[in-house]
Protein backbone atom coordinates (compact mmCIF):
# COMPACT_ATOMS: atom_id res chain seq x y z
CA MET A 1 85.44 152.04 114.23
CA ASN A 2 84.55 148.84 114.79
CA SER A 3 86.80 147.24 117.43
CA ALA A 4 87.62 143.77 118.78
CA LEU A 5 89.77 142.53 121.55
CA LEU A 6 91.64 139.51 121.02
CA ILE A 7 93.24 137.77 123.83
CA ILE A 8 95.83 135.58 123.12
CA ASP A 9 97.23 132.42 125.00
CA MET A 10 96.50 133.14 128.31
CA GLN A 11 96.32 129.42 129.47
CA LYS A 12 96.90 127.75 132.36
CA GLY A 13 99.87 125.37 130.54
CA PHE A 14 101.56 128.61 129.42
CA LEU A 15 101.36 131.02 132.66
CA ASP A 16 100.42 128.79 135.90
CA ASN A 17 103.28 128.72 138.30
CA ARG A 18 105.91 130.44 135.79
CA ILE A 19 107.47 134.12 136.04
CA CYS A 20 106.37 136.48 133.18
CA TYR A 21 107.58 140.32 133.08
CA PRO A 22 105.50 142.15 133.50
CA SER A 23 103.68 140.12 136.47
CA ILE A 24 100.96 138.06 135.25
CA ASN A 25 98.65 140.11 137.96
CA SER A 26 99.46 143.26 136.41
CA THR A 27 99.15 142.13 132.90
CA LEU A 28 95.52 140.85 134.09
CA GLU A 29 94.72 143.94 135.71
CA TYR A 30 94.75 145.73 132.13
CA ILE A 31 93.23 142.96 130.49
CA ASN A 32 90.21 142.36 132.69
CA ALA A 33 89.86 146.20 132.62
CA THR A 34 89.42 146.20 129.04
CA VAL A 35 87.23 143.08 129.02
CA GLU A 36 84.96 145.10 131.23
CA LEU A 37 85.26 147.83 128.71
CA PHE A 38 84.27 145.71 125.78
CA ASN A 39 81.67 143.84 127.74
CA GLU A 40 79.80 147.48 128.28
CA ILE A 41 79.74 148.53 124.58
CA ARG A 42 78.79 145.10 123.72
CA LYS A 43 82.05 144.46 121.29
CA PRO A 44 83.36 141.36 120.50
CA ILE A 45 85.98 139.64 122.56
CA PHE A 46 88.06 136.77 121.07
CA THR A 47 90.12 134.42 123.23
CA ILE A 48 92.63 132.44 121.08
CA GLN A 49 93.97 129.63 122.87
CA ASP A 50 97.04 127.42 121.53
CA GLU A 51 96.79 123.74 120.91
CA ASP A 52 100.31 123.56 121.89
CA ALA A 53 99.23 124.11 125.63
CA LYS A 54 97.74 120.64 125.62
CA GLU A 55 101.37 119.46 125.67
CA GLU A 56 102.11 120.97 128.92
CA PRO A 57 101.69 118.61 131.96
CA GLY A 58 98.37 118.54 133.29
CA PRO A 59 94.53 117.86 132.10
CA LYS A 60 93.72 121.49 132.33
CA SER A 61 96.63 123.05 130.79
CA TYR A 62 94.78 124.19 127.57
CA GLU A 63 92.26 126.13 129.77
CA LEU A 64 92.15 129.69 130.31
CA ILE A 65 93.95 130.95 133.28
CA ASP A 66 91.55 131.27 136.35
CA SER A 67 92.27 135.01 137.17
CA LEU A 68 91.12 136.10 133.45
CA LYS A 69 87.85 137.72 133.59
CA LYS A 70 85.23 134.64 132.17
CA GLU A 71 82.20 136.84 131.92
CA MET A 72 82.54 137.72 128.33
CA ILE A 73 79.15 139.21 126.68
CA ASN A 74 80.24 138.90 122.99
CA HIS A 75 82.31 136.18 123.38
CA HIS A 76 84.24 133.87 120.44
CA LYS A 77 86.57 130.96 121.13
CA ILE A 78 89.48 130.38 118.51
CA SER A 79 91.62 127.75 118.78
CA LYS A 80 95.12 127.62 116.60
CA ILE A 81 98.06 125.40 116.10
CA TYR A 82 100.44 128.31 114.53
CA SER A 83 101.82 131.35 116.25
CA ASN A 84 99.90 133.69 113.75
CA ALA A 85 96.31 133.41 115.22
CA PHE A 86 94.69 134.31 111.49
CA TRP A 87 96.92 131.22 109.81
CA LYS A 88 94.53 128.39 108.97
CA THR A 89 91.80 129.47 111.74
CA SER A 90 88.17 131.31 110.99
CA LEU A 91 89.62 134.44 112.83
CA GLU A 92 89.89 136.73 109.66
CA LYS A 93 86.34 135.40 108.27
CA ASP A 94 84.74 136.04 111.63
CA LEU A 95 85.98 139.51 111.99
CA LYS A 96 85.13 140.37 108.84
CA SER A 97 81.68 138.68 109.01
CA GLN A 98 80.83 141.18 112.07
CA ASN A 99 82.67 144.28 109.87
CA ILE A 100 85.48 144.71 112.45
CA ASN A 101 88.31 146.86 111.43
CA PHE A 102 90.08 147.81 114.64
CA LEU A 103 91.84 145.30 116.58
CA VAL A 104 93.35 145.45 120.08
CA LEU A 105 95.62 142.87 120.99
CA ALA A 106 96.46 141.46 124.61
CA GLY A 107 98.05 138.23 126.06
CA PHE A 108 101.02 135.82 126.01
CA SER A 109 103.61 135.93 124.42
CA ALA A 110 104.78 139.42 123.38
CA GLU A 111 107.45 138.10 121.17
CA GLY A 112 105.87 135.26 120.03
CA CYS A 113 101.92 134.68 119.06
CA VAL A 114 101.14 138.23 120.26
CA ASN A 115 103.76 139.51 117.54
CA TYR A 116 102.96 136.93 114.79
CA THR A 117 99.08 137.75 115.25
CA TYR A 118 99.59 141.46 115.26
CA ASN A 119 101.40 141.41 111.89
CA GLY A 120 99.13 138.91 110.48
CA ALA A 121 96.41 141.53 111.06
CA LEU A 122 98.37 144.10 109.35
CA GLU A 123 98.99 142.16 106.40
CA ARG A 124 95.20 141.38 106.26
CA ASP A 125 94.58 145.16 106.24
CA PHE A 126 92.89 145.54 109.73
CA ASN A 127 93.93 148.25 111.77
CA VAL A 128 95.71 146.92 114.93
CA VAL A 129 97.33 147.88 118.35
CA LEU A 130 98.83 146.13 121.12
CA LEU A 131 97.07 146.91 124.70
CA LYS A 132 99.94 149.02 126.46
CA ASN A 133 100.84 146.83 129.68
CA GLY A 134 98.30 144.02 128.70
CA ILE A 135 100.72 141.82 126.99
CA THR A 136 103.37 139.83 128.80
CA SER A 137 106.66 137.33 128.20
CA TYR A 138 109.07 135.19 130.34
CA GLN A 139 111.43 137.66 129.38
CA GLU A 140 111.26 141.37 130.47
CA ARG A 141 113.02 142.59 127.50
CA TYR A 142 110.83 140.80 124.86
CA THR A 143 107.73 142.90 126.44
CA GLN A 144 109.43 146.16 126.28
CA PHE A 145 110.88 145.57 122.96
CA ILE A 146 107.56 144.38 121.19
CA GLN A 147 105.96 147.42 122.98
CA GLU A 148 108.32 149.72 121.81
CA ILE A 149 108.47 148.28 117.92
CA CYS A 150 104.51 147.89 117.57
CA ALA A 151 101.67 150.22 117.93
CA THR A 152 100.09 150.66 121.41
CA ILE A 153 97.03 152.08 123.02
CA SER A 154 96.97 153.13 126.92
CA TYR A 155 93.79 151.84 128.51
CA SER A 156 92.43 155.34 129.27
CA THR A 157 93.04 156.30 125.23
CA LEU A 158 91.04 153.07 124.37
CA SER A 159 88.48 154.10 127.06
CA PHE A 160 88.30 157.47 125.56
CA LEU A 161 87.68 156.26 121.99
CA LEU A 162 85.22 153.22 122.55
CA SER A 163 83.05 155.41 125.12
CA ASN A 164 82.77 158.01 121.95
CA LYS A 165 81.39 155.17 119.92
CA LYS A 166 78.57 153.75 122.07
């Protein structure tokens, strides 16, 4: 299993000073722990940023939120303009060039870009899961629903699987 972590739209323009469910702090605990796990085994981490965040007030709205772990050893950045991070970006090519076949998705918004990217990964024959408790939305019911209808993986299970692949 050759894996990558995709962190979607964790940007200031979408998340600063907004209420998310679960709380952004809780979601970031899981995401940051997973970043550390991927750093430890030197697996790729992709931060995917939506150009729409630039339309939010403030010159720094496109930037990743401050509380997201910034130290990412094998880091790749993707900028997108569509909800599905695969659509008209280099993401698929970048993943395939590294023989990635297993994706772990985390980020914002559960019912929007996370869900669309999840489906985009399935359409391109990637094995894909959501990081349980690693996604968020402005509406709690959306986060819960997406975690119910999509394949998820807990941090502890992911840690076990990846630790056996060192």
